[in-house]
Amino acid sequence: MSNSKYILSLDQIKPLIEQKGYCYASDMITVDGHKVGYMHREAREDEDDSGWRFYSGLETDEYVENEHHFMMFDLNYIANIDPAILPYLKMRTGTELERDADAETFSKVEEGW
């Protein structure tokens, strides 16, 4: 991971969680610095995959379709960018959460996002 492109450099990362594996996150979070607006946990691709996927909520369909806008990160890296995700990381596969308006909390998405 190159430090120049991302919002946090490796020396800024604190150990906020035990090793939980990797996740995928949008550049809008990791490069542009937006908070997590939507997160969901899908089936793991392998044993190191946490299953978590993070979006700012500002991504368009076109943006999401471009795989170059997403990167694999250690889950702890995303927790350092937005610690508001921490209380939710033990939720099960299939969980979909969106950030509550102007808050540091998330609520379950009842219908598809």
PDB file of N, CA and C in Angstrom:
ATOM      1  N   MET A   1       0.848  -1.176   0.000  1.00  0.00           N
ATOM      2  CA  MET A   1       0.000   0.000   0.000  1.00  0.00           C
ATOM      3  C   MET A   1       0.893   1.237   0.000  1.00  0.00           C
ATOM      4  N   SER A   2       0.772   2.017  -0.991  1.00  0.00           N
ATOM      5  CA  SER A   2       1.528   3.268  -1.080  1.00  0.00           C
ATOM      6  C   SER A   2       0.927   4.297  -0.127  1.00  0.00           C
ATOM      7  N   ASN A   3       1.772   4.978   0.619  1.00  0.00           N
ATOM      8  CA  ASN A   3       1.288   5.961   1.582  1.00  0.00           C
ATOM      9  C   ASN A   3       0.825   7.254   0.939  1.00  0.00           C
ATOM     10  N   SER A   4       1.317   7.580  -0.244  1.00  0.00           N
ATOM     11  CA  SER A   4       1.068   8.896  -0.824  1.00  0.00           C
ATOM     12  C   SER A   4      -0.391   9.136  -1.207  1.00  0.00           C
ATOM     13  N   LYS A   5      -1.086   8.121  -1.618  1.00  0.00           N
ATOM     14  CA  LYS A   5      -2.435   8.266  -2.141  1.00  0.00           C
ATOM     15  C   LYS A   5      -3.506   8.275  -1.042  1.00  0.00           C
ATOM     16  N   TYR A   6      -3.245   7.616   0.073  1.00  0.00           N
ATOM     17  CA  TYR A   6      -4.280   7.358   1.063  1.00  0.00           C
ATOM     18  C   TYR A   6      -4.328   8.400   2.171  1.00  0.00           C
ATOM     19  N   ILE A   7      -5.496   8.566   2.758  1.00  0.00           N
ATOM     20  CA  ILE A   7      -5.778   9.600   3.742  1.00  0.00           C
ATOM     21  C   ILE A   7      -4.922   9.447   5.003  1.00  0.00           C
ATOM     22  N   LEU A   8      -4.647   8.214   5.413  1.00  0.00           N
ATOM     23  CA  LEU A   8      -3.792   7.962   6.568  1.00  0.00           C
ATOM     24  C   LEU A   8      -2.529   7.241   6.123  1.00  0.00           C
ATOM     25  N   SER A   9      -1.405   7.671   6.641  1.00  0.00           N
ATOM     26  CA  SER A   9      -0.161   6.955   6.355  1.00  0.00           C
ATOM     27  C   SER A   9      -0.005   5.833   7.382  1.00  0.00           C
ATOM     28  N   LEU A  10       0.815   4.863   7.071  1.00  0.00           N
ATOM     29  CA  LEU A  10       0.969   3.702   7.942  1.00  0.00           C
ATOM     30  C   LEU A  10       1.413   4.083   9.349  1.00  0.00           C
ATOM     31  N   ASP A  11       2.207   5.138   9.488  1.00  0.00           N
ATOM     32  CA  ASP A  11       2.671   5.526  10.823  1.00  0.00           C
ATOM     33  C   ASP A  11       1.574   6.208  11.651  1.00  0.00           C
ATOM     34  N   GLN A  12       0.438   6.496  11.064  1.00  0.00           N
ATOM     35  CA  GLN A  12      -0.686   7.093  11.792  1.00  0.00           C
ATOM     36  C   GLN A  12      -1.678   6.048  12.312  1.00  0.00           C
ATOM     37  N   ILE A  13      -1.472   4.799  11.952  1.00  0.00           N
ATOM     38  CA  ILE A  13      -2.415   3.740  12.286  1.00  0.00           C
ATOM     39  C   ILE A  13      -2.167   3.222  13.706  1.00  0.00           C
ATOM     40  N   LYS A  14      -3.254   3.207  14.484  1.00  0.00           N
ATOM     41  CA  LYS A  14      -3.202   2.680  15.848  1.00  0.00           C
ATOM     42  C   LYS A  14      -3.908   1.325  15.868  1.00  0.00           C
ATOM     43  N   PRO A  15      -3.487   0.423  16.737  1.00  0.00           N
ATOM     44  CA  PRO A  15      -4.161  -0.881  16.829  1.00  0.00           C
ATOM     45  C   PRO A  15      -5.494  -0.758  17.582  1.00  0.00           C
ATOM     46  N   LEU A  16      -6.577  -0.546  16.869  1.00  0.00           N
ATOM     47  CA  LEU A  16      -7.888  -0.361  17.481  1.00  0.00           C
ATOM     48  C   LEU A  16      -8.650  -1.669  17.669  1.00  0.00           C
ATOM     49  N   ILE A  17      -8.338  -2.654  16.841  1.00  0.00           N
ATOM     50  CA  ILE A  17      -9.015  -3.947  16.923  1.00  0.00           C
ATOM     51  C   ILE A  17      -7.995  -5.054  16.800  1.00  0.00           C
ATOM     52  N   GLU A  18      -8.391  -6.243  17.279  1.00  0.00           N
ATOM     53  CA  GLU A  18      -7.559  -7.418  17.047  1.00  0.00           C
ATOM     54  C   GLU A  18      -7.561  -7.697  15.548  1.00  0.00           C
ATOM     55  N   GLN A  19      -6.599  -8.433  15.092  1.00  0.00           N
ATOM     56  CA  GLN A  19      -6.531  -8.764  13.667  1.00  0.00           C
ATOM     57  C   GLN A  19      -7.833  -9.425  13.240  1.00  0.00           C
ATOM     58  N   LYS A  20      -8.524  -8.827  12.311  1.00  0.00           N
ATOM     59  CA  LYS A  20      -9.806  -9.345  11.827  1.00  0.00           C
ATOM     60  C   LYS A  20      -9.787  -9.643  10.334  1.00  0.00           C
ATOM     61  N   GLY A  21      -8.657  -9.472   9.684  1.00  0.00           N
ATOM     62  CA  GLY A  21      -8.585  -9.745   8.263  1.00  0.00           C
ATOM     63  C   GLY A  21      -8.759  -8.500   7.420  1.00  0.00           C
ATOM     64  N   TYR A  22      -8.940  -8.736   6.121  1.00  0.00           N
ATOM     65  CA  TYR A  22      -9.042  -7.614   5.206  1.00  0.00           C
ATOM     66  C   TYR A  22     -10.500  -7.311   4.873  1.00  0.00           C
ATOM     67  N   CYS A  23     -10.699  -6.163   4.239  1.00  0.00           N
ATOM     68  CA  CYS A  23     -12.006  -5.723   3.791  1.00  0.00           C
ATOM     69  C   CYS A  23     -11.791  -4.974   2.485  1.00  0.00           C
ATOM     70  N   TYR A  24     -12.865  -4.571   1.850  1.00  0.00           N
ATOM     71  CA  TYR A  24     -12.781  -3.713   0.680  1.00  0.00           C
ATOM     72  C   TYR A  24     -13.394  -2.370   1.031  1.00  0.00           C
ATOM     73  N   ALA A  25     -12.772  -1.308   0.553  1.00  0.00           N
ATOM     74  CA  ALA A  25     -13.279   0.027   0.832  1.00  0.00           C
ATOM     75  C   ALA A  25     -13.135   0.913  -0.396  1.00  0.00           C
ATOM     76  N   SER A  26     -14.068   1.827  -0.528  1.00  0.00           N
ATOM     77  CA  SER A  26     -14.097   2.789  -1.621  1.00  0.00           C
ATOM     78  C   SER A  26     -12.999   3.835  -1.444  1.00  0.00           C
ATOM     79  N   ASP A  27     -12.449   4.292  -2.565  1.00  0.00           N
ATOM     80  CA  ASP A  27     -11.479   5.393  -2.530  1.00  0.00           C
ATOM     81  C   ASP A  27     -12.091   6.654  -1.921  1.00  0.00           C
ATOM     82  N   MET A  28     -13.405   6.771  -1.965  1.00  0.00           N
ATOM     83  CA  MET A  28     -14.018   7.960  -1.372  1.00  0.00           C
ATOM     84  C   MET A  28     -13.757   8.011   0.137  1.00  0.00           C
ATOM     85  N   ILE A  29     -13.532   6.853   0.742  1.00  0.00           N
ATOM     86  CA  ILE A  29     -13.185   6.781   2.162  1.00  0.00           C
ATOM     87  C   ILE A  29     -11.670   6.861   2.334  1.00  0.00           C
ATOM     88  N   THR A  30     -10.952   6.008   1.638  1.00  0.00           N
ATOM     89  CA  THR A  30      -9.518   5.843   1.891  1.00  0.00           C
ATOM     90  C   THR A  30      -8.636   6.899   1.246  1.00  0.00           C
ATOM     91  N   VAL A  31      -9.109   7.518   0.177  1.00  0.00           N
ATOM     92  CA  VAL A  31      -8.333   8.546  -0.519  1.00  0.00           C
ATOM     93  C   VAL A  31      -8.915   9.939  -0.242  1.00  0.00           C
ATOM     94  N   ASP A  32     -10.241  10.056  -0.393  1.00  0.00           N
ATOM     95  CA  ASP A  32     -10.897  11.362  -0.271  1.00  0.00           C
ATOM     96  C   ASP A  32     -11.231  11.743   1.173  1.00  0.00           C
ATOM     97  N   GLY A  33     -11.243  10.762   2.073  1.00  0.00           N
ATOM     98  CA  GLY A  33     -11.448  11.060   3.484  1.00  0.00           C
ATOM     99  C   GLY A  33     -12.882  11.160   3.967  1.00  0.00           C
ATOM    100  N   HIS A  34     -13.842  10.681   3.169  1.00  0.00           N
ATOM    101  CA  HIS A  34     -15.233  10.669   3.621  1.00  0.00           C
ATOM    102  C   HIS A  34     -15.421   9.586   4.674  1.00  0.00           C
ATOM    103  N   LYS A  35     -16.379   9.781   5.565  1.00  0.00           N
ATOM    104  CA  LYS A  35     -16.702   8.760   6.556  1.00  0.00           C
ATOM    105  C   LYS A  35     -17.474   7.629   5.889  1.00  0.00           C
ATOM    106  N   VAL A  36     -17.512   6.494   6.564  1.00  0.00           N
ATOM    107  CA  VAL A  36     -18.305   5.367   6.092  1.00  0.00           C
ATOM    108  C   VAL A  36     -19.776   5.752   6.189  1.00  0.00           C
ATOM    109  N   GLY A  37     -20.487   5.611   5.082  1.00  0.00           N
ATOM    110  CA  GLY A  37     -21.912   5.911   5.062  1.00  0.00           C
ATOM    111  C   GLY A  37     -22.756   4.660   4.951  1.00  0.00           C
ATOM    112  N   TYR A  38     -22.151   3.602   4.412  1.00  0.00           N
ATOM    113  CA  TYR A  38     -22.843   2.333   4.209  1.00  0.00           C
ATOM    114  C   TYR A  38     -21.821   1.222   4.346  1.00  0.00           C
ATOM    115  N   MET A  39     -22.185   0.181   5.057  1.00  0.00           N
ATOM    116  CA  MET A  39     -21.296  -0.971   5.208  1.00  0.00           C
ATOM    117  C   MET A  39     -22.135  -2.243   5.187  1.00  0.00           C
ATOM    118  N   HIS A  40     -21.592  -3.263   4.566  1.00  0.00           N
ATOM    119  CA  HIS A  40     -22.284  -4.550   4.575  1.00  0.00           C
ATOM    120  C   HIS A  40     -21.258  -5.660   4.681  1.00  0.00           C
ATOM    121  N   ARG A  41     -21.731  -6.782   5.218  1.00  0.00           N
ATOM    122  CA  ARG A  41     -20.853  -7.935   5.391  1.00  0.00           C
ATOM    123  C   ARG A  41     -21.374  -9.061   4.526  1.00  0.00           C
ATOM    124  N   GLU A  42     -20.520  -9.510   3.620  1.00  0.00           N
ATOM    125  CA  GLU A  42     -20.904 -10.603   2.729  1.00  0.00           C
ATOM    126  C   GLU A  42     -20.079 -11.838   3.057  1.00  0.00           C
ATOM    127  N   ALA A  43     -20.393 -12.928   2.391  1.00  0.00           N
ATOM    128  CA  ALA A  43     -19.652 -14.162   2.613  1.00  0.00           C
ATOM    129  C   ALA A  43     -18.176 -13.936   2.299  1.00  0.00           C
ATOM    130  N   ARG A  44     -17.315 -14.530   3.084  1.00  0.00           N
ATOM    131  CA  ARG A  44     -15.872 -14.367   2.912  1.00  0.00           C
ATOM    132  C   ARG A  44     -15.398 -14.984   1.593  1.00  0.00           C
ATOM    133  N   GLU A  45     -14.424 -14.325   0.983  1.00  0.00           N
ATOM    134  CA  GLU A  45     -13.808 -14.870  -0.227  1.00  0.00           C
ATOM    135  C   GLU A  45     -12.769 -15.921   0.140  1.00  0.00           C
ATOM    136  N   ASP A  46     -12.153 -15.770   1.309  1.00  0.00           N
ATOM    137  CA  ASP A  46     -11.191 -16.725   1.833  1.00  0.00           C
ATOM    138  C   ASP A  46     -11.093 -16.505   3.340  1.00  0.00           C
ATOM    139  N   GLU A  47     -10.264 -17.281   4.033  1.00  0.00           N
ATOM    140  CA  GLU A  47     -10.250 -17.211   5.496  1.00  0.00           C
ATOM    141  C   GLU A  47      -9.697 -15.894   6.047  1.00  0.00           C
ATOM    142  N   ASP A  48      -8.981 -15.124   5.233  1.00  0.00           N
ATOM    143  CA  ASP A  48      -8.456 -13.837   5.686  1.00  0.00           C
ATOM    144  C   ASP A  48      -9.420 -12.678   5.427  1.00  0.00           C
ATOM    145  N   ASP A  49     -10.487 -12.932   4.694  1.00  0.00           N
ATOM    146  CA  ASP A  49     -11.463 -11.903   4.352  1.00  0.00           C
ATOM    147  C   ASP A  49     -12.448 -11.735   5.506  1.00  0.00           C
ATOM    148  N   SER A  50     -12.599 -10.511   5.991  1.00  0.00           N
ATOM    149  CA  SER A  50     -13.571 -10.241   7.056  1.00  0.00           C
ATOM    150  C   SER A  50     -15.002 -10.271   6.513  1.00  0.00           C
ATOM    151  N   GLY A  51     -15.135 -10.060   5.201  1.00  0.00           N
ATOM    152  CA  GLY A  51     -16.451  -9.985   4.579  1.00  0.00           C
ATOM    153  C   GLY A  51     -17.009  -8.569   4.539  1.00  0.00           C
ATOM    154  N   TRP A  52     -16.369  -7.631   5.238  1.00  0.00           N
ATOM    155  CA  TRP A  52     -16.882  -6.262   5.296  1.00  0.00           C
ATOM    156  C   TRP A  52     -16.534  -5.484   4.035  1.00  0.00           C
ATOM    157  N   ARG A  53     -17.504  -4.687   3.576  1.00  0.00           N
ATOM    158  CA  ARG A  53     -17.354  -3.806   2.425  1.00  0.00           C
ATOM    159  C   ARG A  53     -17.844  -2.419   2.853  1.00  0.00           C
ATOM    160  N   PHE A  54     -17.040  -1.395   2.564  1.00  0.00           N
ATOM    161  CA  PHE A  54     -17.332  -0.055   3.053  1.00  0.00           C
ATOM    162  C   PHE A  54     -17.459   0.951   1.908  1.00  0.00           C
ATOM    163  N   TYR A  55     -18.486   1.775   1.997  1.00  0.00           N
ATOM    164  CA  TYR A  55     -18.771   2.816   1.010  1.00  0.00           C
ATOM    165  C   TYR A  55     -19.045   4.122   1.752  1.00  0.00           C
ATOM    166  N   SER A  56     -18.797   5.228   1.108  1.00  0.00           N
ATOM    167  CA  SER A  56     -19.122   6.518   1.717  1.00  0.00           C
ATOM    168  C   SER A  56     -20.619   6.800   1.615  1.00  0.00           C
ATOM    169  N   GLY A  57     -21.255   6.213   0.627  1.00  0.00           N
ATOM    170  CA  GLY A  57     -22.657   6.506   0.348  1.00  0.00           C
ATOM    171  C   GLY A  57     -22.809   7.557  -0.745  1.00  0.00           C
ATOM    172  N   LEU A  58     -21.687   8.112  -1.183  1.00  0.00           N
ATOM    173  CA  LEU A  58     -21.699   9.125  -2.238  1.00  0.00           C
ATOM    174  C   LEU A  58     -21.389   8.531  -3.618  1.00  0.00           C
ATOM    175  N   GLU A  59     -21.023   7.266  -3.649  1.00  0.00           N
ATOM    176  CA  GLU A  59     -20.642   6.623  -4.907  1.00  0.00           C
ATOM    177  C   GLU A  59     -21.849   6.471  -5.832  1.00  0.00           C
ATOM    178  N   THR A  60     -21.642   6.753  -7.089  1.00  0.00           N
ATOM    179  CA  THR A  60     -22.676   6.519  -8.103  1.00  0.00           C
ATOM    180  C   THR A  60     -22.555   5.075  -8.584  1.00  0.00           C
ATOM    181  N   ASP A  61     -23.545   4.613  -9.332  1.00  0.00           N
ATOM    182  CA  ASP A  61     -23.476   3.265  -9.898  1.00  0.00           C
ATOM    183  C   ASP A  61     -22.241   3.125 -10.788  1.00  0.00           C
ATOM    184  N   GLU A  62     -21.967   4.149 -11.593  1.00  0.00           N
ATOM    185  CA  GLU A  62     -20.793   4.125 -12.470  1.00  0.00           C
ATOM    186  C   GLU A  62     -19.498   3.997 -11.653  1.00  0.00           C
ATOM    187  N   TYR A  63     -19.420   4.733 -10.573  1.00  0.00           N
ATOM    188  CA  TYR A  63     -18.238   4.706  -9.705  1.00  0.00           C
ATOM    189  C   TYR A  63     -18.026   3.292  -9.157  1.00  0.00           C
ATOM    190  N   VAL A  64     -19.092   2.685  -8.658  1.00  0.00           N
ATOM    191  CA  VAL A  64     -19.021   1.357  -8.056  1.00  0.00           C
ATOM    192  C   VAL A  64     -18.636   0.297  -9.090  1.00  0.00           C
ATOM    193  N   GLU A  65     -19.085   0.480 -10.318  1.00  0.00           N
ATOM    194  CA  GLU A  65     -18.780  -0.497 -11.367  1.00  0.00           C
ATOM    195  C   GLU A  65     -17.305  -0.509 -11.744  1.00  0.00           C
ATOM    196  N   ASN A  66     -16.574   0.528 -11.421  1.00  0.00           N
ATOM    197  CA  ASN A  66     -15.141   0.594 -11.728  1.00  0.00           C
ATOM    198  C   ASN A  66     -14.353  -0.001 -10.570  1.00  0.00           C
ATOM    199  N   GLU A  67     -13.831  -1.192 -10.766  1.00  0.00           N
ATOM    200  CA  GLU A  67     -13.115  -1.902  -9.694  1.00  0.00           C
ATOM    201  C   GLU A  67     -11.875  -1.156  -9.213  1.00  0.00           C
ATOM    202  N   HIS A  68     -11.383  -0.226  -9.977  1.00  0.00           N
ATOM    203  CA  HIS A  68     -10.199   0.540  -9.582  1.00  0.00           C
ATOM    204  C   HIS A  68     -10.503   1.568  -8.495  1.00  0.00           C
ATOM    205  N   HIS A  69     -11.780   1.751  -8.165  1.00  0.00           N
ATOM    206  CA  HIS A  69     -12.170   2.669  -7.097  1.00  0.00           C
ATOM    207  C   HIS A  69     -12.234   1.984  -5.741  1.00  0.00           C
ATOM    208  N   PHE A  70     -11.886   0.709  -5.695  1.00  0.00           N
ATOM    209  CA  PHE A  70     -11.933  -0.061  -4.453  1.00  0.00           C
ATOM    210  C   PHE A  70     -10.605  -0.766  -4.250  1.00  0.00           C
ATOM    211  N   MET A  71     -10.244  -0.906  -2.989  1.00  0.00           N
ATOM    212  CA  MET A  71      -8.978  -1.549  -2.664  1.00  0.00           C
ATOM    213  C   MET A  71      -9.181  -2.406  -1.421  1.00  0.00           C
ATOM    214  N   MET A  72      -8.358  -3.408  -1.295  1.00  0.00           N
ATOM    215  CA  MET A  72      -8.356  -4.268  -0.141  1.00  0.00           C
ATOM    216  C   MET A  72      -7.518  -3.600   0.962  1.00  0.00           C
ATOM    217  N   PHE A  73      -8.052  -3.551   2.172  1.00  0.00           N
ATOM    218  CA  PHE A  73      -7.360  -2.958   3.310  1.00  0.00           C
ATOM    219  C   PHE A  73      -7.509  -3.845   4.523  1.00  0.00           C
ATOM    220  N   ASP A  74      -6.567  -3.738   5.440  1.00  0.00           N
ATOM    221  CA  ASP A  74      -6.735  -4.343   6.747  1.00  0.00           C
ATOM    222  C   ASP A  74      -7.921  -3.639   7.412  1.00  0.00           C
ATOM    223  N   LEU A  75      -8.777  -4.397   8.059  1.00  0.00           N
ATOM    224  CA  LEU A  75      -9.961  -3.830   8.695  1.00  0.00           C
ATOM    225  C   LEU A  75      -9.591  -2.744   9.711  1.00  0.00           C
ATOM    226  N   ASN A  76      -8.470  -2.902  10.386  1.00  0.00           N
ATOM    227  CA  ASN A  76      -8.015  -1.912  11.363  1.00  0.00           C
ATOM    228  C   ASN A  76      -7.733  -0.557  10.705  1.00  0.00           C
ATOM    229  N   TYR A  77      -7.285  -0.563   9.448  1.00  0.00           N
ATOM    230  CA  TYR A  77      -7.023   0.696   8.737  1.00  0.00           C
ATOM    231  C   TYR A  77      -8.322   1.496   8.596  1.00  0.00           C
ATOM    232  N   ILE A  78      -9.403   0.832   8.196  1.00  0.00           N
ATOM    233  CA  ILE A  78     -10.686   1.512   8.024  1.00  0.00           C
ATOM    234  C   ILE A  78     -11.217   1.970   9.382  1.00  0.00           C
ATOM    235  N   ALA A  79     -11.011   1.184  10.418  1.00  0.00           N
ATOM    236  CA  ALA A  79     -11.421   1.583  11.768  1.00  0.00           C
ATOM    237  C   ALA A  79     -10.683   2.838  12.213  1.00  0.00           C
ATOM    238  N   ASN A  80      -9.461   3.013  11.781  1.00  0.00           N
ATOM    239  CA  ASN A  80      -8.705   4.223  12.111  1.00  0.00           C
ATOM    240  C   ASN A  80      -9.246   5.435  11.367  1.00  0.00           C
ATOM    241  N   ILE A  81      -9.713   5.247  10.156  1.00  0.00           N
ATOM    242  CA  ILE A  81     -10.307   6.354   9.400  1.00  0.00           C
ATOM    243  C   ILE A  81     -11.644   6.749  10.018  1.00  0.00           C
ATOM    244  N   ASP A  82     -12.444   5.758  10.388  1.00  0.00           N
ATOM    245  CA  ASP A  82     -13.782   6.018  10.925  1.00  0.00           C
ATOM    246  C   ASP A  82     -14.079   5.068  12.085  1.00  0.00           C
ATOM    247  N   PRO A  83     -13.672   5.439  13.302  1.00  0.00           N
ATOM    248  CA  PRO A  83     -13.889   4.573  14.468  1.00  0.00           C
ATOM    249  C   PRO A  83     -15.360   4.286  14.780  1.00  0.00           C
ATOM    250  N   ALA A  84     -16.279   5.015  14.175  1.00  0.00           N
ATOM    251  CA  ALA A  84     -17.708   4.766  14.409  1.00  0.00           C
ATOM    252  C   ALA A  84     -18.123   3.355  13.983  1.00  0.00           C
ATOM    253  N   ILE A  85     -17.328   2.688  13.141  1.00  0.00           N
ATOM    254  CA  ILE A  85     -17.678   1.340  12.694  1.00  0.00           C
ATOM    255  C   ILE A  85     -17.388   0.285  13.762  1.00  0.00           C
ATOM    256  N   LEU A  86     -16.566   0.595  14.722  1.00  0.00           N
ATOM    257  CA  LEU A  86     -16.084  -0.397  15.696  1.00  0.00           C
ATOM    258  C   LEU A  86     -17.179  -1.211  16.382  1.00  0.00           C
ATOM    259  N   PRO A  87     -18.249  -0.614  16.898  1.00  0.00           N
ATOM    260  CA  PRO A  87     -19.255  -1.416  17.610  1.00  0.00           C
ATOM    261  C   PRO A  87     -20.003  -2.426  16.734  1.00  0.00           C
ATOM    262  N   TYR A  88     -19.862  -2.335  15.438  1.00  0.00           N
ATOM    263  CA  TYR A  88     -20.659  -3.144  14.515  1.00  0.00           C
ATOM    264  C   TYR A  88     -19.879  -4.290  13.864  1.00  0.00           C
ATOM    265  N   LEU A  89     -18.584  -4.356  14.084  1.00  0.00           N
ATOM    266  CA  LEU A  89     -17.739  -5.276  13.329  1.00  0.00           C
ATOM    267  C   LEU A  89     -17.951  -6.750  13.657  1.00  0.00           C
ATOM    268  N   LYS A  90     -18.627  -7.057  14.745  1.00  0.00           N
ATOM    269  CA  LYS A  90     -18.887  -8.465  15.086  1.00  0.00           C
ATOM    270  C   LYS A  90     -20.239  -8.945  14.556  1.00  0.00           C
ATOM    271  N   MET A  91     -20.934  -8.088  13.842  1.00  0.00           N
ATOM    272  CA  MET A  91     -22.236  -8.479  13.302  1.00  0.00           C
ATOM    273  C   MET A  91     -22.051  -9.542  12.209  1.00  0.00           C
ATOM    274  N   ARG A  92     -23.081 -10.322  12.018  1.00  0.00           N
ATOM    275  CA  ARG A  92     -22.972 -11.502  11.142  1.00  0.00           C
ATOM    276  C   ARG A  92     -23.042 -11.179   9.653  1.00  0.00           C
ATOM    277  N   THR A  93     -22.654 -12.171   8.870  1.00  0.00           N
ATOM    278  CA  THR A  93     -22.746 -12.097   7.411  1.00  0.00           C
ATOM    279  C   THR A  93     -24.188 -11.780   7.029  1.00  0.00           C
ATOM    280  N   GLY A  94     -24.359 -10.907   6.055  1.00  0.00           N
ATOM    281  CA  GLY A  94     -25.684 -10.487   5.608  1.00  0.00           C
ATOM    282  C   GLY A  94     -26.101  -9.157   6.195  1.00  0.00           C
ATOM    283  N   THR A  95     -25.346  -8.663   7.183  1.00  0.00           N
ATOM    284  CA  THR A  95     -25.655  -7.377   7.807  1.00  0.00           C
ATOM    285  C   THR A  95     -25.456  -6.243   6.809  1.00  0.00           C
ATOM    286  N   GLU A  96     -26.408  -5.313   6.761  1.00  0.00           N
ATOM    287  CA  GLU A  96     -26.300  -4.086   5.969  1.00  0.00           C
ATOM    288  C   GLU A  96     -26.620  -2.927   6.891  1.00  0.00           C
ATOM    289  N   LEU A  97     -25.714  -1.970   6.971  1.00  0.00           N
ATOM    290  CA  LEU A  97     -25.895  -0.827   7.863  1.00  0.00           C
ATOM    291  C   LEU A  97     -25.658   0.472   7.115  1.00  0.00           C
ATOM    292  N   GLU A  98     -26.424   1.497   7.488  1.00  0.00           N
ATOM    293  CA  GLU A  98     -26.162   2.823   6.954  1.00  0.00           C
ATOM    294  C   GLU A  98     -26.045   3.798   8.118  1.00  0.00           C
ATOM    295  N   ARG A  99     -25.197   4.798   7.912  1.00  0.00           N
ATOM    296  CA  ARG A  99     -24.967   5.791   8.961  1.00  0.00           C
ATOM    297  C   ARG A  99     -26.235   6.601   9.193  1.00  0.00           C
ATOM    298  N   ASP A 100     -26.536   6.809  10.464  1.00  0.00           N
ATOM    299  CA  ASP A 100     -27.650   7.676  10.830  1.00  0.00           C
ATOM    300  C   ASP A 100     -27.262   9.117  10.509  1.00  0.00           C
ATOM    301  N   ALA A 101     -28.212   9.902  10.061  1.00  0.00           N
ATOM    302  CA  ALA A 101     -27.949  11.288   9.657  1.00  0.00           C
ATOM    303  C   ALA A 101     -27.258  12.066  10.775  1.00  0.00           C
ATOM    304  N   ASP A 102     -26.158  12.715  10.422  1.00  0.00           N
ATOM    305  CA  ASP A 102     -25.407  13.568  11.350  1.00  0.00           C
ATOM    306  C   ASP A 102     -25.073  12.868  12.662  1.00  0.00           C
ATOM    307  N   ALA A 103     -24.724  11.587  12.599  1.00  0.00           N
ATOM    308  CA  ALA A 103     -24.450  10.827  13.818  1.00  0.00           C
ATOM    309  C   ALA A 103     -23.235   9.923  13.641  1.00  0.00           C
ATOM    310  N   GLU A 104     -22.806   9.375  14.748  1.00  0.00           N
ATOM    311  CA  GLU A 104     -21.699   8.413  14.751  1.00  0.00           C
ATOM    312  C   GLU A 104     -22.244   7.009  14.967  1.00  0.00           C
ATOM    313  N   THR A 105     -23.496   6.794  14.610  1.00  0.00           N
ATOM    314  CA  THR A 105     -24.139   5.495  14.766  1.00  0.00           C
ATOM    315  C   THR A 105     -24.663   5.017  13.416  1.00  0.00           C
ATOM    316  N   PHE A 106     -24.956   3.733  13.361  1.00  0.00           N
ATOM    317  CA  PHE A 106     -25.482   3.107  12.152  1.00  0.00           C
ATOM    318  C   PHE A 106     -26.764   2.373  12.488  1.00  0.00           C
ATOM    319  N   SER A 107     -27.629   2.217  11.506  1.00  0.00           N
ATOM    320  CA  SER A 107     -28.871   1.450  11.652  1.00  0.00           C
ATOM    321  C   SER A 107     -28.922   0.404  10.558  1.00  0.00           C
ATOM    322  N   LYS A 108     -29.605  -0.699  10.865  1.00  0.00           N
ATOM    323  CA  LYS A 108     -29.764  -1.755   9.871  1.00  0.00           C
ATOM    324  C   LYS A 108     -30.590  -1.262   8.703  1.00  0.00           C
ATOM    325  N   VAL A 109     -30.189  -1.669   7.511  1.00  0.00           N
ATOM    326  CA  VAL A 109     -30.935  -1.383   6.293  1.00  0.00           C
ATOM    327  C   VAL A 109     -31.939  -2.517   6.155  1.00  0.00           C
ATOM    328  N   GLU A 110     -33.214  -2.160   6.110  1.00  0.00           N
ATOM    329  CA  GLU A 110     -34.247  -3.190   6.024  1.00  0.00           C
ATOM    330  C   GLU A 110     -34.474  -3.667   4.599  1.00  0.00           C
ATOM    331  N   GLU A 111     -34.298  -2.766   3.639  1.00  0.00           N
ATOM    332  CA  GLU A 111     -34.449  -3.121   2.226  1.00  0.00           C
ATOM    333  C   GLU A 111     -33.110  -2.968   1.544  1.00  0.00           C
ATOM    334  N   GLY A 112     -32.953  -3.533   0.370  1.00  0.00           N
ATOM    335  CA  GLY A 112     -31.693  -3.415  -0.377  1.00  0.00           C
ATOM    336  C   GLY A 112     -31.280  -1.973  -0.577  1.00  0.00           C
ATOM    337  N   TRP A 113     -29.995  -1.726  -0.513  1.00  0.00           N
ATOM    338  CA  TRP A 113     -29.449  -0.374  -0.614  1.00  0.00           C
ATOM    339  C   TRP A 113     -29.360   0.058  -2.018  1.00  0.00           C
TER     340      TRP A 113
END
